Amino acid sequence: MKLSRPVSWFLLAFGVWSWVVWTTFVKNLWKDGSGLAFDDGKPTAYFWVHLTLAIVSFLLGTAIGLLGLRGVRAHRAADRDADGRKTASRETESV
């Protein structure tokens, strides 16, 4: 399957965005002082559920971001190949 350039960039941006958002969320969850995440210093069910959500989101964000990165790299490689063919054809035409 070939991804379009905009879709590749979108997937890459989504992967980066996912890491930024969920890293911030986990930091805030860890520092929670409201009693939702920790009860007498022990993690609550709320903490474990949200930590699981964050881990799954990290994994999905990474996978989606890697798909986007592969798409962006493929488009860049195709652009370089096309530029190389144009240069080679110009050189043979001038001979």
PDB file of N, CA and C in Angstrom:
ATOM      1  N   MET A   1       0.845  -1.166   0.000  1.00  0.00           N
ATOM      2  CA  MET A   1       0.000   0.000   0.000  1.00  0.00           C
ATOM      3  C   MET A   1       0.896   1.236   0.000  1.00  0.00           C
ATOM      4  N   LYS A   2       0.555   2.199  -0.816  1.00  0.00           N
ATOM      5  CA  LYS A   2       1.322   3.434  -0.884  1.00  0.00           C
ATOM      6  C   LYS A   2       0.513   4.564  -0.251  1.00  0.00           C
ATOM      7  N   LEU A   3       1.142   5.251   0.685  1.00  0.00           N
ATOM      8  CA  LEU A   3       0.495   6.386   1.351  1.00  0.00           C
ATOM      9  C   LEU A   3       0.800   7.663   0.593  1.00  0.00           C
ATOM     10  N   SER A   4      -0.159   8.542   0.534  1.00  0.00           N
ATOM     11  CA  SER A   4       0.092   9.841  -0.095  1.00  0.00           C
ATOM     12  C   SER A   4       0.993  10.663   0.833  1.00  0.00           C
ATOM     13  N   ARG A   5       1.594  11.672   0.276  1.00  0.00           N
ATOM     14  CA  ARG A   5       2.494  12.527   1.065  1.00  0.00           C
ATOM     15  C   ARG A   5       1.744  13.193   2.222  1.00  0.00           C
ATOM     16  N   PRO A   6       0.562  13.798   2.003  1.00  0.00           N
ATOM     17  CA  PRO A   6      -0.146  14.420   3.137  1.00  0.00           C
ATOM     18  C   PRO A   6      -0.540  13.422   4.222  1.00  0.00           C
ATOM     19  N   VAL A   7      -0.947  12.225   3.813  1.00  0.00           N
ATOM     20  CA  VAL A   7      -1.324  11.215   4.811  1.00  0.00           C
ATOM     21  C   VAL A   7      -0.098  10.787   5.608  1.00  0.00           C
ATOM     22  N   SER A   8       1.035  10.630   4.932  1.00  0.00           N
ATOM     23  CA  SER A   8       2.272  10.260   5.626  1.00  0.00           C
ATOM     24  C   SER A   8       2.648  11.306   6.667  1.00  0.00           C
ATOM     25  N   TRP A   9       2.583  12.565   6.291  1.00  0.00           N
ATOM     26  CA  TRP A   9       2.904  13.644   7.240  1.00  0.00           C
ATOM     27  C   TRP A   9       1.902  13.689   8.385  1.00  0.00           C
ATOM     28  N   PHE A  10       0.621  13.449   8.080  1.00  0.00           N
ATOM     29  CA  PHE A  10      -0.404  13.438   9.124  1.00  0.00           C
ATOM     30  C   PHE A  10      -0.122  12.328  10.137  1.00  0.00           C
ATOM     31  N   LEU A  11       0.194  11.131   9.645  1.00  0.00           N
ATOM     32  CA  LEU A  11       0.468  10.016  10.549  1.00  0.00           C
ATOM     33  C   LEU A  11       1.704  10.277  11.401  1.00  0.00           C
ATOM     34  N   LEU A  12       2.725  10.853  10.802  1.00  0.00           N
ATOM     35  CA  LEU A  12       3.927  11.198  11.560  1.00  0.00           C
ATOM     36  C   LEU A  12       3.614  12.245  12.630  1.00  0.00           C
ATOM     37  N   ALA A  13       2.861  13.266  12.251  1.00  0.00           N
ATOM     38  CA  ALA A  13       2.475  14.309  13.216  1.00  0.00           C
ATOM     39  C   ALA A  13       1.614  13.725  14.331  1.00  0.00           C
ATOM     40  N   PHE A  14       0.725  12.803  13.992  1.00  0.00           N
ATOM     41  CA  PHE A  14      -0.119  12.162  15.002  1.00  0.00           C
ATOM     42  C   PHE A  14       0.736  11.390  16.001  1.00  0.00           C
ATOM     43  N   GLY A  15       1.740  10.680  15.514  1.00  0.00           N
ATOM     44  CA  GLY A  15       2.625   9.933  16.403  1.00  0.00           C
ATOM     45  C   GLY A  15       3.367  10.845  17.366  1.00  0.00           C
ATOM     46  N   VAL A  16       3.880  11.949  16.856  1.00  0.00           N
ATOM     47  CA  VAL A  16       4.585  12.914  17.705  1.00  0.00           C
ATOM     48  C   VAL A  16       3.616  13.533  18.710  1.00  0.00           C
ATOM     49  N   TRP A  17       2.448  13.938  18.225  1.00  0.00           N
ATOM     50  CA  TRP A  17       1.428  14.540  19.095  1.00  0.00           C
ATOM     51  C   TRP A  17       1.032  13.572  20.209  1.00  0.00           C
ATOM     52  N   SER A  18       0.876  12.312  19.877  1.00  0.00           N
ATOM     53  CA  SER A  18       0.499  11.316  20.870  1.00  0.00           C
ATOM     54  C   SER A  18       1.534  11.227  21.978  1.00  0.00           C
ATOM     55  N   TRP A  19       2.806  11.230  21.616  1.00  0.00           N
ATOM     56  CA  TRP A  19       3.862  11.175  22.626  1.00  0.00           C
ATOM     57  C   TRP A  19       3.863  12.422  23.497  1.00  0.00           C
ATOM     58  N   VAL A  20       3.677  13.580  22.902  1.00  0.00           N
ATOM     59  CA  VAL A  20       3.680  14.826  23.685  1.00  0.00           C
ATOM     60  C   VAL A  20       2.512  14.843  24.669  1.00  0.00           C
ATOM     61  N   VAL A  21       1.325  14.540  24.181  1.00  0.00           N
ATOM     62  CA  VAL A  21       0.124  14.597  25.020  1.00  0.00           C
ATOM     63  C   VAL A  21       0.175  13.562  26.138  1.00  0.00           C
ATOM     64  N   TRP A  22       0.505  12.320  25.804  1.00  0.00           N
ATOM     65  CA  TRP A  22       0.454  11.275  26.820  1.00  0.00           C
ATOM     66  C   TRP A  22       1.619  11.353  27.802  1.00  0.00           C
ATOM     67  N   THR A  23       2.760  11.883  27.368  1.00  0.00           N
ATOM     68  CA  THR A  23       3.855  12.101  28.316  1.00  0.00           C
ATOM     69  C   THR A  23       3.437  13.127  29.361  1.00  0.00           C
ATOM     70  N   THR A  24       2.812  14.196  28.903  1.00  0.00           N
ATOM     71  CA  THR A  24       2.306  15.214  29.827  1.00  0.00           C
ATOM     72  C   THR A  24       1.258  14.624  30.762  1.00  0.00           C
ATOM     73  N   PHE A  25       0.378  13.801  30.213  1.00  0.00           N
ATOM     74  CA  PHE A  25      -0.671  13.189  31.027  1.00  0.00           C
ATOM     75  C   PHE A  25      -0.076  12.303  32.117  1.00  0.00           C
ATOM     76  N   VAL A  26       0.903  11.470  31.750  1.00  0.00           N
ATOM     77  CA  VAL A  26       1.507  10.567  32.739  1.00  0.00           C
ATOM     78  C   VAL A  26       2.239  11.363  33.821  1.00  0.00           C
ATOM     79  N   LYS A  27       2.918  12.441  33.442  1.00  0.00           N
ATOM     80  CA  LYS A  27       3.584  13.283  34.433  1.00  0.00           C
ATOM     81  C   LYS A  27       2.559  13.850  35.414  1.00  0.00           C
ATOM     82  N   ASN A  28       1.442  14.343  34.880  1.00  0.00           N
ATOM     83  CA  ASN A  28       0.397  14.896  35.741  1.00  0.00           C
ATOM     84  C   ASN A  28      -0.261  13.815  36.593  1.00  0.00           C
ATOM     85  N   LEU A  29      -0.434  12.641  36.038  1.00  0.00           N
ATOM     86  CA  LEU A  29      -1.014  11.524  36.789  1.00  0.00           C
ATOM     87  C   LEU A  29      -0.092  11.150  37.950  1.00  0.00           C
ATOM     88  N   TRP A  30       1.197  11.123  37.688  1.00  0.00           N
ATOM     89  CA  TRP A  30       2.167  10.753  38.713  1.00  0.00           C
ATOM     90  C   TRP A  30       2.203  11.760  39.863  1.00  0.00           C
ATOM     91  N   LYS A  31       2.003  13.040  39.522  1.00  0.00           N
ATOM     92  CA  LYS A  31       2.061  14.106  40.536  1.00  0.00           C
ATOM     93  C   LYS A  31       0.700  14.378  41.178  1.00  0.00           C
ATOM     94  N   ASP A  32      -0.298  13.598  40.842  1.00  0.00           N
ATOM     95  CA  ASP A  32      -1.670  13.865  41.295  1.00  0.00           C
ATOM     96  C   ASP A  32      -1.756  13.981  42.813  1.00  0.00           C
ATOM     97  N   GLY A  33      -2.326  15.088  43.234  1.00  0.00           N
ATOM     98  CA  GLY A  33      -2.487  15.303  44.667  1.00  0.00           C
ATOM     99  C   GLY A  33      -3.942  15.255  45.093  1.00  0.00           C
ATOM    100  N   SER A  34      -4.839  14.974  44.174  1.00  0.00           N
ATOM    101  CA  SER A  34      -6.269  15.008  44.482  1.00  0.00           C
ATOM    102  C   SER A  34      -6.759  13.742  45.180  1.00  0.00           C
ATOM    103  N   GLY A  35      -5.941  12.692  45.177  1.00  0.00           N
ATOM    104  CA  GLY A  35      -6.380  11.448  45.792  1.00  0.00           C
ATOM    105  C   GLY A  35      -6.963  10.466  44.802  1.00  0.00           C
ATOM    106  N   LEU A  36      -7.115  10.875  43.561  1.00  0.00           N
ATOM    107  CA  LEU A  36      -7.647   9.952  42.558  1.00  0.00           C
ATOM    108  C   LEU A  36      -6.621   8.879  42.179  1.00  0.00           C
ATOM    109  N   ALA A  37      -5.370   9.283  41.976  1.00  0.00           N
ATOM    110  CA  ALA A  37      -4.355   8.346  41.504  1.00  0.00           C
ATOM    111  C   ALA A  37      -3.692   7.578  42.645  1.00  0.00           C
ATOM    112  N   PHE A  38      -3.571   8.206  43.785  1.00  0.00           N
ATOM    113  CA  PHE A  38      -2.899   7.556  44.917  1.00  0.00           C
ATOM    114  C   PHE A  38      -3.729   7.721  46.177  1.00  0.00           C
ATOM    115  N   ASP A  39      -3.817   6.652  46.933  1.00  0.00           N
ATOM    116  CA  ASP A  39      -4.517   6.670  48.216  1.00  0.00           C
ATOM    117  C   ASP A  39      -3.520   6.213  49.274  1.00  0.00           C
ATOM    118  N   ASP A  40      -3.121   7.135  50.129  1.00  0.00           N
ATOM    119  CA  ASP A  40      -2.091   6.865  51.146  1.00  0.00           C
ATOM    120  C   ASP A  40      -0.802   6.350  50.516  1.00  0.00           C
ATOM    121  N   GLY A  41      -0.450   6.939  49.372  1.00  0.00           N
ATOM    122  CA  GLY A  41       0.793   6.570  48.699  1.00  0.00           C
ATOM    123  C   GLY A  41       0.713   5.338  47.823  1.00  0.00           C
ATOM    124  N   LYS A  42      -0.435   4.669  47.829  1.00  0.00           N
ATOM    125  CA  LYS A  42      -0.593   3.450  47.019  1.00  0.00           C
ATOM    126  C   LYS A  42      -1.405   3.786  45.762  1.00  0.00           C
ATOM    127  N   PRO A  43      -1.008   3.237  44.612  1.00  0.00           N
ATOM    128  CA  PRO A  43      -1.754   3.494  43.379  1.00  0.00           C
ATOM    129  C   PRO A  43      -3.177   2.941  43.468  1.00  0.00           C
ATOM    130  N   THR A  44      -4.122   3.708  42.942  1.00  0.00           N
ATOM    131  CA  THR A  44      -5.528   3.294  42.930  1.00  0.00           C
ATOM    132  C   THR A  44      -5.864   2.657  41.579  1.00  0.00           C
ATOM    133  N   ALA A  45      -7.078   2.140  41.465  1.00  0.00           N
ATOM    134  CA  ALA A  45      -7.540   1.576  40.193  1.00  0.00           C
ATOM    135  C   ALA A  45      -7.544   2.655  39.109  1.00  0.00           C
ATOM    136  N   TYR A  46      -7.894   3.872  39.489  1.00  0.00           N
ATOM    137  CA  TYR A  46      -7.874   5.004  38.560  1.00  0.00           C
ATOM    138  C   TYR A  46      -6.483   5.160  37.947  1.00  0.00           C
ATOM    139  N   PHE A  47      -5.458   5.080  38.795  1.00  0.00           N
ATOM    140  CA  PHE A  47      -4.084   5.206  38.320  1.00  0.00           C
ATOM    141  C   PHE A  47      -3.757   4.099  37.325  1.00  0.00           C
ATOM    142  N   TRP A  48      -4.063   2.850  37.667  1.00  0.00           N
ATOM    143  CA  TRP A  48      -3.711   1.726  36.805  1.00  0.00           C
ATOM    144  C   TRP A  48      -4.454   1.760  35.480  1.00  0.00           C
ATOM    145  N   VAL A  49      -5.721   2.126  35.513  1.00  0.00           N
ATOM    146  CA  VAL A  49      -6.493   2.221  34.267  1.00  0.00           C
ATOM    147  C   VAL A  49      -5.910   3.296  33.357  1.00  0.00           C
ATOM    148  N   HIS A  50      -5.619   4.448  33.927  1.00  0.00           N
ATOM    149  CA  HIS A  50      -5.106   5.544  33.108  1.00  0.00           C
ATOM    150  C   HIS A  50      -3.657   5.320  32.671  1.00  0.00           C
ATOM    151  N   LEU A  51      -2.886   4.658  33.481  1.00  0.00           N
ATOM    152  CA  LEU A  51      -1.537   4.296  33.059  1.00  0.00           C
ATOM    153  C   LEU A  51      -1.590   3.289  31.905  1.00  0.00           C
ATOM    154  N   THR A  52      -2.512   2.346  31.966  1.00  0.00           N
ATOM    155  CA  THR A  52      -2.702   1.387  30.870  1.00  0.00           C
ATOM    156  C   THR A  52      -3.129   2.098  29.594  1.00  0.00           C
ATOM    157  N   LEU A  53      -4.056   3.045  29.727  1.00  0.00           N
ATOM    158  CA  LEU A  53      -4.466   3.829  28.557  1.00  0.00           C
ATOM    159  C   LEU A  53      -3.284   4.579  27.946  1.00  0.00           C
ATOM    160  N   ALA A  54      -2.451   5.145  28.786  1.00  0.00           N
ATOM    161  CA  ALA A  54      -1.291   5.886  28.301  1.00  0.00           C
ATOM    162  C   ALA A  54      -0.305   4.960  27.592  1.00  0.00           C
ATOM    163  N   ILE A  55      -0.052   3.799  28.152  1.00  0.00           N
ATOM    164  CA  ILE A  55       0.884   2.853  27.537  1.00  0.00           C
ATOM    165  C   ILE A  55       0.368   2.387  26.180  1.00  0.00           C
ATOM    166  N   VAL A  56      -0.908   2.056  26.119  1.00  0.00           N
ATOM    167  CA  VAL A  56      -1.500   1.645  24.836  1.00  0.00           C
ATOM    168  C   VAL A  56      -1.414   2.795  23.830  1.00  0.00           C
ATOM    169  N   SER A  57      -1.666   3.997  24.270  1.00  0.00           N
ATOM    170  CA  SER A  57      -1.580   5.157  23.382  1.00  0.00           C
ATOM    171  C   SER A  57      -0.148   5.410  22.923  1.00  0.00           C
ATOM    172  N   PHE A  58       0.832   5.188  23.804  1.00  0.00           N
ATOM    173  CA  PHE A  58       2.238   5.293  23.395  1.00  0.00           C
ATOM    174  C   PHE A  58       2.546   4.283  22.294  1.00  0.00           C
ATOM    175  N   LEU A  59       2.097   3.052  22.490  1.00  0.00           N
ATOM    176  CA  LEU A  59       2.373   2.000  21.505  1.00  0.00           C
ATOM    177  C   LEU A  59       1.695   2.291  20.169  1.00  0.00           C
ATOM    178  N   LEU A  60       0.425   2.675  20.222  1.00  0.00           N
ATOM    179  CA  LEU A  60      -0.289   2.997  18.981  1.00  0.00           C
ATOM    180  C   LEU A  60       0.294   4.235  18.308  1.00  0.00           C
ATOM    181  N   GLY A  61       0.617   5.253  19.098  1.00  0.00           N
ATOM    182  CA  GLY A  61       1.224   6.463  18.546  1.00  0.00           C
ATOM    183  C   GLY A  61       2.560   6.172  17.888  1.00  0.00           C
ATOM    184  N   THR A  62       3.332   5.293  18.511  1.00  0.00           N
ATOM    185  CA  THR A  62       4.620   4.914  17.934  1.00  0.00           C
ATOM    186  C   THR A  62       4.418   4.172  16.623  1.00  0.00           C
ATOM    187  N   ALA A  63       3.513   3.205  16.601  1.00  0.00           N
ATOM    188  CA  ALA A  63       3.260   2.438  15.382  1.00  0.00           C
ATOM    189  C   ALA A  63       2.748   3.336  14.254  1.00  0.00           C
ATOM    190  N   ILE A  64       1.807   4.199  14.571  1.00  0.00           N
ATOM    191  CA  ILE A  64       1.246   5.111  13.571  1.00  0.00           C
ATOM    192  C   ILE A  64       2.307   6.094  13.088  1.00  0.00           C
ATOM    193  N   GLY A  65       3.095   6.627  14.017  1.00  0.00           N
ATOM    194  CA  GLY A  65       4.165   7.540  13.646  1.00  0.00           C
ATOM    195  C   GLY A  65       5.212   6.880  12.767  1.00  0.00           C
ATOM    196  N   LEU A  66       5.540   5.620  13.058  1.00  0.00           N
ATOM    197  CA  LEU A  66       6.512   4.899  12.229  1.00  0.00           C
ATOM    198  C   LEU A  66       5.975   4.656  10.819  1.00  0.00           C
ATOM    199  N   LEU A  67       4.691   4.367  10.704  1.00  0.00           N
ATOM    200  CA  LEU A  67       4.088   4.240   9.368  1.00  0.00           C
ATOM    201  C   LEU A  67       4.217   5.547   8.596  1.00  0.00           C
ATOM    202  N   GLY A  68       3.932   6.646   9.277  1.00  0.00           N
ATOM    203  CA  GLY A  68       4.063   7.947   8.637  1.00  0.00           C
ATOM    204  C   GLY A  68       5.498   8.247   8.253  1.00  0.00           C
ATOM    205  N   LEU A  69       6.442   7.913   9.122  1.00  0.00           N
ATOM    206  CA  LEU A  69       7.863   8.137   8.832  1.00  0.00           C
ATOM    207  C   LEU A  69       8.304   7.325   7.625  1.00  0.00           C
ATOM    208  N   ARG A  70       7.865   6.082   7.557  1.00  0.00           N
ATOM    209  CA  ARG A  70       8.215   5.258   6.393  1.00  0.00           C
ATOM    210  C   ARG A  70       7.634   5.845   5.112  1.00  0.00           C
ATOM    211  N   GLY A  71       6.421   6.377   5.194  1.00  0.00           N
ATOM    212  CA  GLY A  71       5.812   7.010   4.026  1.00  0.00           C
ATOM    213  C   GLY A  71       6.561   8.250   3.584  1.00  0.00           C
ATOM    214  N   VAL A  72       6.952   9.084   4.552  1.00  0.00           N
ATOM    215  CA  VAL A  72       7.705  10.309   4.238  1.00  0.00           C
ATOM    216  C   VAL A  72       9.046   9.944   3.616  1.00  0.00           C
ATOM    217  N   ARG A  73       9.732   8.967   4.200  1.00  0.00           N
ATOM    218  CA  ARG A  73      11.021   8.538   3.645  1.00  0.00           C
ATOM    219  C   ARG A  73      10.864   7.976   2.237  1.00  0.00           C
ATOM    220  N   ALA A  74       9.810   7.214   2.006  1.00  0.00           N
ATOM    221  CA  ALA A  74       9.582   6.645   0.670  1.00  0.00           C
ATOM    222  C   ALA A  74       9.361   7.752  -0.356  1.00  0.00           C
ATOM    223  N   HIS A  75       8.613   8.771   0.014  1.00  0.00           N
ATOM    224  CA  HIS A  75       8.386   9.894  -0.907  1.00  0.00           C
ATOM    225  C   HIS A  75       9.680  10.651  -1.168  1.00  0.00           C
ATOM    226  N   ARG A  76      10.495  10.846  -0.146  1.00  0.00           N
ATOM    227  CA  ARG A  76      11.771  11.536  -0.343  1.00  0.00           C
ATOM    228  C   ARG A  76      12.702  10.725  -1.233  1.00  0.00           C
ATOM    229  N   ALA A  77      12.728   9.412  -1.034  1.00  0.00           N
ATOM    230  CA  ALA A  77      13.567   8.552  -1.875  1.00  0.00           C
ATOM    231  C   ALA A  77      13.080   8.582  -3.320  1.00  0.00           C
ATOM    232  N   ALA A  78      11.763   8.564  -3.505  1.00  0.00           N
ATOM    233  CA  ALA A  78      11.205   8.629  -4.861  1.00  0.00           C
ATOM    234  C   ALA A  78      11.547   9.960  -5.515  1.00  0.00           C
ATOM    235  N   ASP A  79      11.512  11.034  -4.757  1.00  0.00           N
ATOM    236  CA  ASP A  79      11.879  12.354  -5.287  1.00  0.00           C
ATOM    237  C   ASP A  79      13.342  12.383  -5.699  1.00  0.00           C
ATOM    238  N   ARG A  80      14.215  11.791  -4.869  1.00  0.00           N
ATOM    239  CA  ARG A  80      15.644  11.748  -5.217  1.00  0.00           C
ATOM    240  C   ARG A  80      15.872  10.914  -6.473  1.00  0.00           C
ATOM    241  N   ASP A  81      15.176   9.781  -6.581  1.00  0.00           N
ATOM    242  CA  ASP A  81      15.307   8.932  -7.766  1.00  0.00           C
ATOM    243  C   ASP A  81      14.840   9.671  -9.008  1.00  0.00           C
ATOM    244  N   ALA A  82      13.732  10.382  -8.888  1.00  0.00           N
ATOM    245  CA  ALA A  82      13.204  11.137 -10.033  1.00  0.00           C
ATOM    246  C   ALA A  82      14.173  12.243 -10.427  1.00  0.00           C
ATOM    247  N   ASP A  83      14.768  12.921  -9.457  1.00  0.00           N
ATOM    248  CA  ASP A  83      15.752  13.971  -9.750  1.00  0.00           C
ATOM    249  C   ASP A  83      16.990  13.378 -10.398  1.00  0.00           C
ATOM    250  N   GLY A  84      17.404  12.207  -9.924  1.00  0.00           N
ATOM    251  CA  GLY A  84      18.563  11.537 -10.500  1.00  0.00           C
ATOM    252  C   GLY A  84      18.320  11.126 -11.938  1.00  0.00           C
ATOM    253  N   ARG A  85      17.115  10.657 -12.245  1.00  0.00           N
ATOM    254  CA  ARG A  85      16.779  10.266 -13.619  1.00  0.00           C
ATOM    255  C   ARG A  85      16.731  11.478 -14.527  1.00  0.00           C
ATOM    256  N   LYS A  86      16.226  12.603 -14.019  1.00  0.00           N
ATOM    257  CA  LYS A  86      16.166  13.822 -14.823  1.00  0.00           C
ATOM    258  C   LYS A  86      17.581  14.303 -15.142  1.00  0.00           C
ATOM    259  N   THR A  87      18.461  14.262 -14.142  1.00  0.00           N
ATOM    260  CA  THR A  87      19.837  14.705 -14.343  1.00  0.00           C
ATOM    261  C   THR A  87      20.549  13.783 -15.334  1.00  0.00           C
ATOM    262  N   ALA A  88      20.354  12.478 -15.205  1.00  0.00           N
ATOM    263  CA  ALA A  88      21.006  11.519 -16.101  1.00  0.00           C
ATOM    264  C   ALA A  88      20.504  11.683 -17.529  1.00  0.00           C
ATOM    265  N   SER A  89      19.216  11.924 -17.707  1.00  0.00           N
ATOM    266  CA  SER A  89      18.685  12.088 -19.058  1.00  0.00           C
ATOM    267  C   SER A  89      19.183  13.383 -19.682  1.00  0.00           C
ATOM    268  N   ARG A  90      19.376  14.416 -18.903  1.00  0.00           N
ATOM    269  CA  ARG A  90      19.909  15.676 -19.419  1.00  0.00           C
ATOM    270  C   ARG A  90      21.362  15.503 -19.858  1.00  0.00           C
ATOM    271  N   GLU A  91      22.129  14.724 -19.095  1.00  0.00           N
ATOM    272  CA  GLU A  91      23.520  14.500 -19.440  1.00  0.00           C
ATOM    273  C   GLU A  91      23.638  13.707 -20.739  1.00  0.00           C
ATOM    274  N   THR A  92      22.770  12.719 -20.939  1.00  0.00           N
ATOM    275  CA  THR A  92      22.837  11.923 -22.176  1.00  0.00           C
ATOM    276  C   THR A  92      22.349  12.724 -23.368  1.00  0.00           C
ATOM    277  N   GLU A  93      21.422  13.656 -23.156  1.00  0.00           N
ATOM    278  CA  GLU A  93      20.928  14.486 -24.247  1.00  0.00           C
ATOM    279  C   GLU A  93      22.008  15.451 -24.722  1.00  0.00           C
ATOM    280  N   SER A  94      22.862  15.923 -23.828  1.00  0.00           N
ATOM    281  CA  SER A  94      23.868  16.920 -24.209  1.00  0.00           C
ATOM    282  C   SER A  94      25.079  16.274 -24.885  1.00  0.00           C
ATOM    283  N   VAL A  95      25.212  14.952 -24.835  1.00  0.00           N
ATOM    284  CA  VAL A  95      26.355  14.257 -25.442  1.00  0.00           C
ATOM    285  C   VAL A  95      26.166  14.068 -26.906  1.00  0.00           C
TER     286      VAL A  95
END
